[in-house]
PDB file of all heavy atoms in Angstrom:
ATOM      1  N   ARG A   1     -49.720  90.219   7.077  1.00  0.00           N
ATOM      2  CA  ARG A   1     -49.289  90.738   5.776  1.00  0.00           C
ATOM      3  C   ARG A   1     -50.481  90.905   4.830  1.00  0.00           C
ATOM      4  O   ARG A   1     -50.607  91.911   4.134  1.00  0.00           O
ATOM      5  CB  ARG A   1     -48.273  89.785   5.168  1.00  0.00           C
ATOM      6  CG  ARG A   1     -47.781  90.229   3.815  1.00  0.00           C
ATOM      7  CD  ARG A   1     -46.705  89.290   3.300  1.00  0.00           C
ATOM      8  NE  ARG A   1     -46.492  89.552   1.898  1.00  0.00           N
ATOM      9  CZ  ARG A   1     -46.314  88.631   0.984  1.00  0.00           C
ATOM     10  NH1 ARG A   1     -46.290  87.368   1.313  1.00  0.00           N
ATOM     11  NH2 ARG A   1     -46.127  88.951  -0.261  1.00  0.00           N
ATOM     12  N   THR A   2     -51.367  89.927   4.832  1.00  0.00           N
ATOM     13  CA  THR A   2     -52.539  89.983   3.958  1.00  0.00           C
ATOM     14  C   THR A   2     -53.447  91.144   4.344  1.00  0.00           C
ATOM     15  O   THR A   2     -53.946  91.865   3.480  1.00  0.00           O
ATOM     16  CB  THR A   2     -53.305  88.646   4.021  1.00  0.00           C
ATOM     17  OG1 THR A   2     -52.414  87.591   3.643  1.00  0.00           O
ATOM     18  CG2 THR A   2     -54.497  88.645   3.094  1.00  0.00           C
ATOM     19  N   GLN A   3     -53.645  91.346   5.648  1.00  0.00           N
ATOM     20  CA  GLN A   3     -54.485  92.449   6.113  1.00  0.00           C
ATOM     21  C   GLN A   3     -53.858  93.799   5.751  1.00  0.00           C
ATOM     22  O   GLN A   3     -54.548  94.722   5.322  1.00  0.00           O
ATOM     23  CB  GLN A   3     -54.711  92.352   7.619  1.00  0.00           C
ATOM     24  CG  GLN A   3     -55.606  91.201   8.009  1.00  0.00           C
ATOM     25  CD  GLN A   3     -55.639  90.962   9.512  1.00  0.00           C
ATOM     26  OE1 GLN A   3     -54.905  91.582  10.270  1.00  0.00           O
ATOM     27  NE2 GLN A   3     -56.490  90.041   9.941  1.00  0.00           N
ATOM     28  N   ALA A   4     -52.547  93.907   5.908  1.00  0.00           N
ATOM     29  CA  ALA A   4     -51.859  95.161   5.577  1.00  0.00           C
ATOM     30  C   ALA A   4     -51.969  95.459   4.085  1.00  0.00           C
ATOM     31  O   ALA A   4     -52.215  96.605   3.692  1.00  0.00           O
ATOM     32  CB  ALA A   4     -50.390  95.075   5.999  1.00  0.00           C
ATOM     33  N   GLN A   5     -51.805  94.442   3.264  1.00  0.00           N
ATOM     34  CA  GLN A   5     -51.923  94.642   1.821  1.00  0.00           C
ATOM     35  C   GLN A   5     -53.334  95.070   1.443  1.00  0.00           C
ATOM     36  O   GLN A   5     -53.525  95.929   0.579  1.00  0.00           O
ATOM     37  CB  GLN A   5     -51.538  93.361   1.069  1.00  0.00           C
ATOM     38  CG  GLN A   5     -50.060  93.068   1.101  1.00  0.00           C
ATOM     39  CD  GLN A   5     -49.740  91.720   0.467  1.00  0.00           C
ATOM     40  OE1 GLN A   5     -50.597  90.864   0.308  1.00  0.00           O
ATOM     41  NE2 GLN A   5     -48.475  91.525   0.132  1.00  0.00           N
ATOM     42  N   ALA A   6     -54.316  94.477   2.084  1.00  0.00           N
ATOM     43  CA  ALA A   6     -55.705  94.825   1.786  1.00  0.00           C
ATOM     44  C   ALA A   6     -55.989  96.268   2.187  1.00  0.00           C
ATOM     45  O   ALA A   6     -56.691  96.988   1.471  1.00  0.00           O
ATOM     46  CB  ALA A   6     -56.646  93.872   2.516  1.00  0.00           C
ATOM     47  N   MET A   7     -55.433  96.718   3.304  1.00  0.00           N
ATOM     48  CA  MET A   7     -55.648  98.096   3.750  1.00  0.00           C
ATOM     49  C   MET A   7     -54.979  99.092   2.807  1.00  0.00           C
ATOM     50  O   MET A   7     -55.439 100.219   2.662  1.00  0.00           O
ATOM     51  CB  MET A   7     -55.144  98.267   5.184  1.00  0.00           C
ATOM     52  CG  MET A   7     -56.048  97.560   6.170  1.00  0.00           C
ATOM     53  SD  MET A   7     -55.519  97.461   7.904  1.00  0.00           S
ATOM     54  CE  MET A   7     -54.593  98.884   8.228  1.00  0.00           C
ATOM     55  N   MET A   8     -53.911  98.680   2.140  1.00  0.00           N
ATOM     56  CA  MET A   8     -53.218  99.555   1.193  1.00  0.00           C
ATOM     57  C   MET A   8     -53.835  99.464  -0.196  1.00  0.00           C
ATOM     58  O   MET A   8     -53.353 100.088  -1.138  1.00  0.00           O
ATOM     59  CB  MET A   8     -51.731  99.203   1.131  1.00  0.00           C
ATOM     60  CG  MET A   8     -51.019  99.463   2.437  1.00  0.00           C
ATOM     61  SD  MET A   8     -49.229  99.169   2.432  1.00  0.00           S
ATOM     62  CE  MET A   8     -48.976  97.865   1.296  1.00  0.00           C
ATOM     63  N   GLY A   9     -54.864  98.638  -0.345  1.00  0.00           N
ATOM     64  CA  GLY A   9     -55.533  98.509  -1.625  1.00  0.00           C
ATOM     65  C   GLY A   9     -54.875  97.526  -2.569  1.00  0.00           C
ATOM     66  O   GLY A   9     -55.226  97.455  -3.735  1.00  0.00           O
ATOM     67  N   ALA A  10     -53.912  96.769  -2.058  1.00  0.00           N
ATOM     68  CA  ALA A  10     -53.260  95.763  -2.896  1.00  0.00           C
ATOM     69  C   ALA A  10     -54.225  94.609  -3.131  1.00  0.00           C
ATOM     70  O   ALA A  10     -55.210  94.443  -2.417  1.00  0.00           O
ATOM     71  CB  ALA A  10     -51.987  95.258  -2.229  1.00  0.00           C
ATOM     72  N   GLY A  11     -53.917  93.804  -4.107  1.00  0.00           N
ATOM     73  CA  GLY A  11     -54.797  92.696  -4.477  1.00  0.00           C
ATOM     74  C   GLY A  11     -54.608  91.463  -3.631  1.00  0.00           C
ATOM     75  O   GLY A  11     -54.570  90.360  -4.153  1.00  0.00           O
ATOM     76  N   ALA A  12     -54.481  91.617  -2.338  1.00  0.00           N
ATOM     77  CA  ALA A  12     -54.292  90.471  -1.453  1.00  0.00           C
ATOM     78  C   ALA A  12     -55.581  89.648  -1.386  1.00  0.00           C
ATOM     79  O   ALA A  12     -56.667  90.206  -1.231  1.00  0.00           O
ATOM     80  CB  ALA A  12     -53.899  90.927  -0.061  1.00  0.00           C
ATOM     81  N   PRO A  13     -55.478  88.345  -1.501  1.00  0.00           N
ATOM     82  CA  PRO A  13     -56.664  87.478  -1.480  1.00  0.00           C
ATOM     83  C   PRO A  13     -57.152  87.218  -0.049  1.00  0.00           C
ATOM     84  O   PRO A  13     -57.027  86.124   0.482  1.00  0.00           O
ATOM     85  CB  PRO A  13     -56.151  86.194  -2.136  1.00  0.00           C
ATOM     86  CG  PRO A  13     -54.688  86.162  -1.783  1.00  0.00           C
ATOM     87  CD  PRO A  13     -54.254  87.598  -1.742  1.00  0.00           C
ATOM     88  N   VAL A  14     -57.703  88.238   0.586  1.00  0.00           N
ATOM     89  CA  VAL A  14     -58.100  88.143   1.992  1.00  0.00           C
ATOM     90  C   VAL A  14     -59.095  87.011   2.215  1.00  0.00           C
ATOM     91  O   VAL A  14     -58.943  86.218   3.150  1.00  0.00           O
ATOM     92  CB  VAL A  14     -58.673  89.489   2.490  1.00  0.00           C
ATOM     93  CG1 VAL A  14     -59.190  89.366   3.918  1.00  0.00           C
ATOM     94  CG2 VAL A  14     -57.638  90.588   2.380  1.00  0.00           C
ATOM     95  N   ASP A  15     -60.111  86.913   1.380  1.00  0.00           N
ATOM     96  CA  ASP A  15     -61.126  85.870   1.560  1.00  0.00           C
ATOM     97  C   ASP A  15     -60.519  84.476   1.460  1.00  0.00           C
ATOM     98  O   ASP A  15     -60.880  83.581   2.225  1.00  0.00           O
ATOM     99  CB  ASP A  15     -62.256  86.025   0.542  1.00  0.00           C
ATOM    100  CG  ASP A  15     -63.112  87.254   0.812  1.00  0.00           C
ATOM    101  OD1 ASP A  15     -63.085  87.759   1.950  1.00  0.00           O
ATOM    102  OD2 ASP A  15     -63.792  87.702  -0.119  1.00  0.00           O
ATOM    103  N   GLU A  16     -59.595  84.310   0.520  1.00  0.00           N
ATOM    104  CA  GLU A  16     -58.940  83.005   0.367  1.00  0.00           C
ATOM    105  C   GLU A  16     -58.116  82.661   1.604  1.00  0.00           C
ATOM    106  O   GLU A  16     -58.127  81.522   2.077  1.00  0.00           O
ATOM    107  CB  GLU A  16     -58.040  83.003  -0.865  1.00  0.00           C
ATOM    108  CG  GLU A  16     -58.793  83.049  -2.174  1.00  0.00           C
ATOM    109  CD  GLU A  16     -57.852  83.175  -3.372  1.00  0.00           C
ATOM    110  OE1 GLU A  16     -56.703  82.719  -3.279  1.00  0.00           O
ATOM    111  OE2 GLU A  16     -58.290  83.739  -4.388  1.00  0.00           O
ATOM    112  N   VAL A  17     -57.405  83.642   2.130  1.00  0.00           N
ATOM    113  CA  VAL A  17     -56.583  83.406   3.313  1.00  0.00           C
ATOM    114  C   VAL A  17     -57.470  83.110   4.513  1.00  0.00           C
ATOM    115  O   VAL A  17     -57.172  82.214   5.310  1.00  0.00           O
ATOM    116  CB  VAL A  17     -55.635  84.594   3.580  1.00  0.00           C
ATOM    117  CG1 VAL A  17     -54.943  84.457   4.925  1.00  0.00           C
ATOM    118  CG2 VAL A  17     -54.606  84.711   2.455  1.00  0.00           C
ATOM    119  N   LEU A  18     -58.589  83.813   4.653  1.00  0.00           N
ATOM    120  CA  LEU A  18     -59.501  83.538   5.769  1.00  0.00           C
ATOM    121  C   LEU A  18     -60.108  82.142   5.671  1.00  0.00           C
ATOM    122  O   LEU A  18     -60.286  81.460   6.688  1.00  0.00           O
ATOM    123  CB  LEU A  18     -60.598  84.608   5.833  1.00  0.00           C
ATOM    124  CG  LEU A  18     -60.125  85.994   6.254  1.00  0.00           C
ATOM    125  CD1 LEU A  18     -61.285  86.982   6.192  1.00  0.00           C
ATOM    126  CD2 LEU A  18     -59.497  85.979   7.634  1.00  0.00           C
ATOM    127  N   GLU A  19     -60.418  81.705   4.468  1.00  0.00           N
ATOM    128  CA  GLU A  19     -60.926  80.341   4.292  1.00  0.00           C
ATOM    129  C   GLU A  19     -59.855  79.324   4.672  1.00  0.00           C
ATOM    130  O   GLU A  19     -60.132  78.325   5.334  1.00  0.00           O
ATOM    131  CB  GLU A  19     -61.401  80.120   2.856  1.00  0.00           C
ATOM    132  CG  GLU A  19     -61.949  78.722   2.609  1.00  0.00           C
ATOM    133  CD  GLU A  19     -63.094  78.326   3.527  1.00  0.00           C
ATOM    134  OE1 GLU A  19     -63.914  79.179   3.894  1.00  0.00           O
ATOM    135  OE2 GLU A  19     -63.154  77.135   3.893  1.00  0.00           O
ATOM    136  N   LYS A  20     -58.624  79.579   4.253  1.00  0.00           N
ATOM    137  CA  LYS A  20     -57.516  78.699   4.638  1.00  0.00           C
ATOM    138  C   LYS A  20     -57.359  78.693   6.149  1.00  0.00           C
ATOM    139  O   LYS A  20     -57.137  77.643   6.756  1.00  0.00           O
ATOM    140  CB  LYS A  20     -56.197  79.156   3.995  1.00  0.00           C
ATOM    141  CG  LYS A  20     -56.118  78.905   2.518  1.00  0.00           C
ATOM    142  CD  LYS A  20     -55.867  77.447   2.251  1.00  0.00           C
ATOM    143  CE  LYS A  20     -55.655  77.190   0.781  1.00  0.00           C
ATOM    144  NZ  LYS A  20     -55.676  75.774   0.479  1.00  0.00           N
ATOM    145  N   LEU A  21     -57.478  79.861   6.767  1.00  0.00           N
ATOM    146  CA  LEU A  21     -57.347  79.961   8.219  1.00  0.00           C
ATOM    147  C   LEU A  21     -58.368  79.063   8.906  1.00  0.00           C
ATOM    148  O   LEU A  21     -58.037  78.366   9.867  1.00  0.00           O
ATOM    149  CB  LEU A  21     -57.510  81.409   8.668  1.00  0.00           C
ATOM    150  CG  LEU A  21     -57.439  81.677  10.170  1.00  0.00           C
ATOM    151  CD1 LEU A  21     -56.102  81.226  10.746  1.00  0.00           C
ATOM    152  CD2 LEU A  21     -57.685  83.147  10.451  1.00  0.00           C
ATOM    153  N   ARG A  22     -59.602  79.064   8.421  1.00  0.00           N
ATOM    154  CA  ARG A  22     -60.629  78.174   9.007  1.00  0.00           C
ATOM    155  C   ARG A  22     -60.209  76.704   8.894  1.00  0.00           C
ATOM    156  O   ARG A  22     -60.343  75.930   9.841  1.00  0.00           O
ATOM    157  CB  ARG A  22     -61.973  78.402   8.322  1.00  0.00           C
ATOM    158  CG  ARG A  22     -62.693  79.647   8.765  1.00  0.00           C
ATOM    159  CD  ARG A  22     -64.095  79.734   8.184  1.00  0.00           C
ATOM    160  NE  ARG A  22     -64.127  80.301   6.852  1.00  0.00           N
ATOM    161  CZ  ARG A  22     -64.109  81.596   6.578  1.00  0.00           C
ATOM    162  NH1 ARG A  22     -64.056  82.458   7.553  1.00  0.00           N
ATOM    163  NH2 ARG A  22     -64.139  82.027   5.336  1.00  0.00           N
ATOM    164  N   GLN A  23     -59.691  76.326   7.745  1.00  0.00           N
ATOM    165  CA  GLN A  23     -59.235  74.947   7.546  1.00  0.00           C
ATOM    166  C   GLN A  23     -58.054  74.628   8.463  1.00  0.00           C
ATOM    167  O   GLN A  23     -57.988  73.553   9.068  1.00  0.00           O
ATOM    168  CB  GLN A  23     -58.831  74.724   6.089  1.00  0.00           C
ATOM    169  CG  GLN A  23     -59.971  74.824   5.111  1.00  0.00           C
ATOM    170  CD  GLN A  23     -59.490  74.879   3.663  1.00  0.00           C
ATOM    171  OE1 GLN A  23     -58.328  74.647   3.368  1.00  0.00           O
ATOM    172  NE2 GLN A  23     -60.405  75.188   2.755  1.00  0.00           N
ATOM    173  N   TRP A  24     -57.121  75.559   8.559  1.00  0.00           N
ATOM    174  CA  TRP A  24     -55.937  75.331   9.395  1.00  0.00           C
ATOM    175  C   TRP A  24     -56.321  75.208  10.870  1.00  0.00           C
ATOM    176  O   TRP A  24     -55.766  74.380  11.588  1.00  0.00           O
ATOM    177  CB  TRP A  24     -54.939  76.461   9.208  1.00  0.00           C
ATOM    178  CG  TRP A  24     -54.368  76.541   7.821  1.00  0.00           C
ATOM    179  CD1 TRP A  24     -54.276  75.532   6.898  1.00  0.00           C
ATOM    180  CD2 TRP A  24     -53.826  77.692   7.185  1.00  0.00           C
ATOM    181  NE1 TRP A  24     -53.706  75.997   5.732  1.00  0.00           N
ATOM    182  CE2 TRP A  24     -53.414  77.324   5.876  1.00  0.00           C
ATOM    183  CE3 TRP A  24     -53.648  79.016   7.583  1.00  0.00           C
ATOM    184  CZ2 TRP A  24     -52.830  78.220   5.002  1.00  0.00           C
ATOM    185  CZ3 TRP A  24     -53.067  79.904   6.689  1.00  0.00           C
ATOM    186  CH2 TRP A  24     -52.665  79.506   5.431  1.00  0.00           C
ATOM    187  N   LEU A  25     -57.283  76.019  11.310  1.00  0.00           N
ATOM    188  CA  LEU A  25     -57.729  75.924  12.701  1.00  0.00           C
ATOM    189  C   LEU A  25     -58.342  74.557  12.983  1.00  0.00           C
ATOM    190  O   LEU A  25     -58.089  73.967  14.042  1.00  0.00           O
ATOM    191  CB  LEU A  25     -58.714  77.045  13.027  1.00  0.00           C
ATOM    192  CG  LEU A  25     -58.106  78.438  13.121  1.00  0.00           C
ATOM    193  CD1 LEU A  25     -59.206  79.492  13.205  1.00  0.00           C
ATOM    194  CD2 LEU A  25     -57.161  78.542  14.301  1.00  0.00           C
ATOM    195  N   ASP A  26     -59.136  74.044  12.065  1.00  0.00           N
ATOM    196  CA  ASP A  26     -59.706  72.702  12.239  1.00  0.00           C
ATOM    197  C   ASP A  26     -58.601  71.664  12.396  1.00  0.00           C
ATOM    198  O   ASP A  26     -58.679  70.787  13.264  1.00  0.00           O
ATOM    199  CB  ASP A  26     -60.594  72.321  11.051  1.00  0.00           C
ATOM    200  CG  ASP A  26     -61.940  73.009  11.072  1.00  0.00           C
ATOM    201  OD1 ASP A  26     -62.336  73.528  12.138  1.00  0.00           O
ATOM    202  OD2 ASP A  26     -62.603  73.030  10.015  1.00  0.00           O
ATOM    203  N   ARG A  27     -57.591  71.759  11.559  1.00  0.00           N
ATOM    204  CA  ARG A  27     -56.476  70.804  11.623  1.00  0.00           C
ATOM    205  C   ARG A  27     -55.717  70.944  12.945  1.00  0.00           C
ATOM    206  O   ARG A  27     -55.336  69.941  13.567  1.00  0.00           O
ATOM    207  CB  ARG A  27     -55.536  71.000  10.444  1.00  0.00           C
ATOM    208  CG  ARG A  27     -56.172  70.615   9.117  1.00  0.00           C
ATOM    209  CD  ARG A  27     -55.261  70.829   7.963  1.00  0.00           C
ATOM    210  NE  ARG A  27     -54.154  69.870   7.972  1.00  0.00           N
ATOM    211  CZ  ARG A  27     -53.184  69.863   7.083  1.00  0.00           C
ATOM    212  NH1 ARG A  27     -53.170  70.749   6.099  1.00  0.00           N
ATOM    213  NH2 ARG A  27     -52.225  68.969   7.164  1.00  0.00           N
ATOM    214  N   MET A  28     -55.497  72.181  13.378  1.00  0.00           N
ATOM    215  CA  MET A  28     -54.761  72.400  14.626  1.00  0.00           C
ATOM    216  C   MET A  28     -55.522  71.873  15.830  1.00  0.00           C
ATOM    217  O   MET A  28     -54.926  71.353  16.769  1.00  0.00           O
ATOM    218  CB  MET A  28     -54.443  73.880  14.805  1.00  0.00           C
ATOM    219  CG  MET A  28     -53.348  74.350  13.883  1.00  0.00           C
ATOM    220  SD  MET A  28     -52.730  76.008  14.250  1.00  0.00           S
ATOM    221  CE  MET A  28     -54.178  77.012  14.073  1.00  0.00           C
ATOM    222  N   LEU A  29     -56.847  71.994  15.802  1.00  0.00           N
ATOM    223  CA  LEU A  29     -57.639  71.495  16.927  1.00  0.00           C
ATOM    224  C   LEU A  29     -57.450  69.991  17.114  1.00  0.00           C
ATOM    225  O   LEU A  29     -57.337  69.505  18.235  1.00  0.00           O
ATOM    226  CB  LEU A  29     -59.119  71.830  16.734  1.00  0.00           C
ATOM    227  CG  LEU A  29     -59.467  73.303  16.881  1.00  0.00           C
ATOM    228  CD1 LEU A  29     -60.933  73.536  16.541  1.00  0.00           C
ATOM    229  CD2 LEU A  29     -59.141  73.817  18.262  1.00  0.00           C
ATOM    230  N   GLY A  30     -57.414  69.252  16.010  1.00  0.00           N
ATOM    231  CA  GLY A  30     -57.191  67.811  16.101  1.00  0.00           C
ATOM    232  C   GLY A  30     -55.850  67.471  16.713  1.00  0.00           C
ATOM    233  O   GLY A  30     -55.730  66.580  17.556  1.00  0.00           O
ATOM    234  N   VAL A  31     -54.829  68.216  16.327  1.00  0.00           N
ATOM    235  CA  VAL A  31     -53.489  67.979  16.862  1.00  0.00           C
ATOM    236  C   VAL A  31     -53.422  68.396  18.324  1.00  0.00           C
ATOM    237  O   VAL A  31     -52.811  67.712  19.150  1.00  0.00           O
ATOM    238  CB  VAL A  31     -52.432  68.723  16.024  1.00  0.00           C
ATOM    239  CG1 VAL A  31     -51.066  68.637  16.664  1.00  0.00           C
ATOM    240  CG2 VAL A  31     -52.393  68.181  14.611  1.00  0.00           C
ATOM    241  N   LEU A  32     -54.052  69.512  18.662  1.00  0.00           N
ATOM    242  CA  LEU A  32     -54.031  69.964  20.052  1.00  0.00           C
ATOM    243  C   LEU A  32     -54.653  68.947  20.994  1.00  0.00           C
ATOM    244  O   LEU A  32     -54.193  68.776  22.116  1.00  0.00           O
ATOM    245  CB  LEU A  32     -54.740  71.314  20.183  1.00  0.00           C
ATOM    246  CG  LEU A  32     -53.860  72.518  19.896  1.00  0.00           C
ATOM    247  CD1 LEU A  32     -54.702  73.755  19.665  1.00  0.00           C
ATOM    248  CD2 LEU A  32     -52.878  72.732  21.035  1.00  0.00           C
ATOM    249  N   LYS A  33     -55.692  68.269  20.541  1.00  0.00           N
ATOM    250  CA  LYS A  33     -56.298  67.220  21.376  1.00  0.00           C
ATOM    251  C   LYS A  33     -55.277  66.139  21.698  1.00  0.00           C
ATOM    252  O   LYS A  33     -55.165  65.703  22.842  1.00  0.00           O
ATOM    253  CB  LYS A  33     -57.518  66.616  20.676  1.00  0.00           C
ATOM    254  CG  LYS A  33     -58.691  67.551  20.577  1.00  0.00           C
ATOM    255  CD  LYS A  33     -59.819  66.935  19.761  1.00  0.00           C
ATOM    256  CE  LYS A  33     -60.917  67.933  19.521  1.00  0.00           C
ATOM    257  NZ  LYS A  33     -61.976  67.419  18.641  1.00  0.00           N
ATOM    258  N   ARG A  34     -54.516  65.717  20.689  1.00  0.00           N
ATOM    259  CA  ARG A  34     -53.491  64.688  20.907  1.00  0.00           C
ATOM    260  C   ARG A  34     -52.373  65.203  21.813  1.00  0.00           C
ATOM    261  O   ARG A  34     -51.868  64.478  22.664  1.00  0.00           O
ATOM    262  CB  ARG A  34     -52.898  64.231  19.572  1.00  0.00           C
ATOM    263  CG  ARG A  34     -53.851  63.470  18.716  1.00  0.00           C
ATOM    264  CD  ARG A  34     -53.224  62.823  17.474  1.00  0.00           C
ATOM    265  NE  ARG A  34     -51.896  63.250  17.123  1.00  0.00           N
ATOM    266  CZ  ARG A  34     -51.531  63.722  15.930  1.00  0.00           C
ATOM    267  NH1 ARG A  34     -52.415  63.831  14.969  1.00  0.00           N
ATOM    268  NH2 ARG A  34     -50.287  64.073  15.690  1.00  0.00           N
ATOM    269  N   ILE A  35     -52.008  66.463  21.642  1.00  0.00           N
ATOM    270  CA  ILE A  35     -50.944  67.036  22.467  1.00  0.00           C
ATOM    271  C   ILE A  35     -51.364  67.054  23.931  1.00  0.00           C
ATOM    272  O   ILE A  35     -50.637  66.594  24.808  1.00  0.00           O
ATOM    273  CB  ILE A  35     -50.578  68.454  21.970  1.00  0.00           C
ATOM    274  CG1 ILE A  35     -49.868  68.368  20.620  1.00  0.00           C
ATOM    275  CG2 ILE A  35     -49.723  69.187  22.994  1.00  0.00           C
ATOM    276  CD1 ILE A  35     -49.652  69.713  19.932  1.00  0.00           C
ATOM    277  N   VAL A  36     -52.559  67.586  24.209  1.00  0.00           N
ATOM    278  CA  VAL A  36     -53.020  67.709  25.597  1.00  0.00           C
ATOM    279  C   VAL A  36     -53.200  66.337  26.236  1.00  0.00           C
ATOM    280  O   VAL A  36     -52.903  66.154  27.413  1.00  0.00           O
ATOM    281  CB  VAL A  36     -54.300  68.563  25.670  1.00  0.00           C
ATOM    282  CG1 VAL A  36     -54.953  68.489  27.037  1.00  0.00           C
ATOM    283  CG2 VAL A  36     -53.985  70.005  25.311  1.00  0.00           C
ATOM    284  N   GLU A  37     -53.640  65.348  25.466  1.00  0.00           N
ATOM    285  CA  GLU A  37     -53.807  64.004  26.009  1.00  0.00           C
ATOM    286  C   GLU A  37     -52.480  63.414  26.480  1.00  0.00           C
ATOM    287  O   GLU A  37     -52.455  62.588  27.394  1.00  0.00           O
ATOM    288  CB  GLU A  37     -54.405  63.073  24.956  1.00  0.00           C
ATOM    289  CG  GLU A  37     -55.860  63.334  24.675  1.00  0.00           C
ATOM    290  CD  GLU A  37     -56.379  62.537  23.481  1.00  0.00           C
ATOM    291  OE1 GLU A  37     -55.590  61.863  22.786  1.00  0.00           O
ATOM    292  OE2 GLU A  37     -57.595  62.612  23.221  1.00  0.00           O
ATOM    293  N   ASN A  38     -51.365  63.828  25.872  1.00  0.00           N
ATOM    294  CA  ASN A  38     -50.068  63.225  26.177  1.00  0.00           C
ATOM    295  C   ASN A  38     -49.086  64.138  26.903  1.00  0.00           C
ATOM    296  O   ASN A  38     -48.031  63.685  27.323  1.00  0.00           O
ATOM    297  CB  ASN A  38     -49.419  62.735  24.871  1.00  0.00           C
ATOM    298  CG  ASN A  38     -50.161  61.553  24.302  1.00  0.00           C
ATOM    299  OD1 ASN A  38     -50.083  60.453  24.822  1.00  0.00           O
ATOM    300  ND2 ASN A  38     -50.927  61.789  23.248  1.00  0.00           N
ATOM    301  N   LEU A  39     -49.417  65.392  27.064  1.00  0.00           N
ATOM    302  CA  LEU A  39     -48.523  66.336  27.714  1.00  0.00           C
ATOM    303  C   LEU A  39     -48.732  66.252  29.223  1.00  0.00           C
ATOM    304  O   LEU A  39     -49.839  66.480  29.716  1.00  0.00           O
ATOM    305  CB  LEU A  39     -48.803  67.751  27.200  1.00  0.00           C
ATOM    306  CG  LEU A  39     -47.842  68.854  27.559  1.00  0.00           C
ATOM    307  CD1 LEU A  39     -46.429  68.532  27.063  1.00  0.00           C
ATOM    308  CD2 LEU A  39     -48.306  70.171  26.948  1.00  0.00           C
ATOM    309  N   ALA A  40     -47.680  65.908  29.929  1.00  0.00           N
ATOM    310  CA  ALA A  40     -47.771  65.696  31.378  1.00  0.00           C
ATOM    311  C   ALA A  40     -48.373  66.911  32.083  1.00  0.00           C
ATOM    312  O   ALA A  40     -47.886  68.029  31.942  1.00  0.00           O
ATOM    313  CB  ALA A  40     -46.393  65.396  31.952  1.00  0.00           C
ATOM    314  N   GLY A  41     -49.447  66.688  32.811  1.00  0.00           N
ATOM    315  CA  GLY A  41     -50.082  67.736  33.590  1.00  0.00           C
ATOM    316  C   GLY A  41     -51.057  68.611  32.820  1.00  0.00           C
ATOM    317  O   GLY A  41     -51.755  69.423  33.412  1.00  0.00           O
ATOM    318  N   ALA A  42     -51.103  68.494  31.511  1.00  0.00           N
ATOM    319  CA  ALA A  42     -52.009  69.330  30.725  1.00  0.00           C
ATOM    320  C   ALA A  42     -53.447  68.874  30.936  1.00  0.00           C
ATOM    321  O   ALA A  42     -53.732  67.679  30.985  1.00  0.00           O
ATOM    322  CB  ALA A  42     -51.644  69.277  29.248  1.00  0.00           C
ATOM    323  N   THR A  43     -54.335  69.837  31.083  1.00  0.00           N
ATOM    324  CA  THR A  43     -55.737  69.502  31.318  1.00  0.00           C
ATOM    325  C   THR A  43     -56.656  69.977  30.197  1.00  0.00           C
ATOM    326  O   THR A  43     -57.709  69.405  29.986  1.00  0.00           O
ATOM    327  CB  THR A  43     -56.222  70.118  32.642  1.00  0.00           C
ATOM    328  OG1 THR A  43     -56.002  71.539  32.598  1.00  0.00           O
ATOM    329  CG2 THR A  43     -55.487  69.518  33.832  1.00  0.00           C
ATOM    330  N   SER A  44     -56.261  71.046  29.511  1.00  0.00           N
ATOM    331  CA  SER A  44     -57.106  71.580  28.442  1.00  0.00           C
ATOM    332  C   SER A  44     -56.285  72.522  27.569  1.00  0.00           C
ATOM    333  O   SER A  44     -55.127  72.808  27.864  1.00  0.00           O
ATOM    334  CB  SER A  44     -58.315  72.322  29.017  1.00  0.00           C
ATOM    335  OG  SER A  44     -57.892  73.437  29.774  1.00  0.00           O
ATOM    336  N   PHE A  45     -56.919  73.003  26.521  1.00  0.00           N
ATOM    337  CA  PHE A  45     -56.273  73.991  25.667  1.00  0.00           C
ATOM    338  C   PHE A  45     -57.314  74.995  25.217  1.00  0.00           C
ATOM    339  O   PHE A  45     -58.522  74.750  25.307  1.00  0.00           O
ATOM    340  CB  PHE A  45     -55.597  73.340  24.456  1.00  0.00           C
ATOM    341  CG  PHE A  45     -56.557  72.719  23.473  1.00  0.00           C
ATOM    342  CD1 PHE A  45     -57.136  73.467  22.453  1.00  0.00           C
ATOM    343  CD2 PHE A  45     -56.884  71.373  23.563  1.00  0.00           C
ATOM    344  CE1 PHE A  45     -58.022  72.896  21.557  1.00  0.00           C
ATOM    345  CE2 PHE A  45     -57.766  70.790  22.665  1.00  0.00           C
ATOM    346  CZ  PHE A  45     -58.339  71.558  21.656  1.00  0.00           C
TER     347      PHE A  45
END
C-alpha cells in the first residue's frame, strides 16, 4: 500500500515504513530462531 501510494504521488511515508521494516525483520529473526529450535524436524529458516 505504501509503495502504491508513493507511485501515485501521495504523501506515503516510505522511508519511515522501510525503517520500521528493518526493525520488524530484526525482531522476527529472533523469534524465528526460537521457532526453529523447537519445531520438530526443522533445521533452518
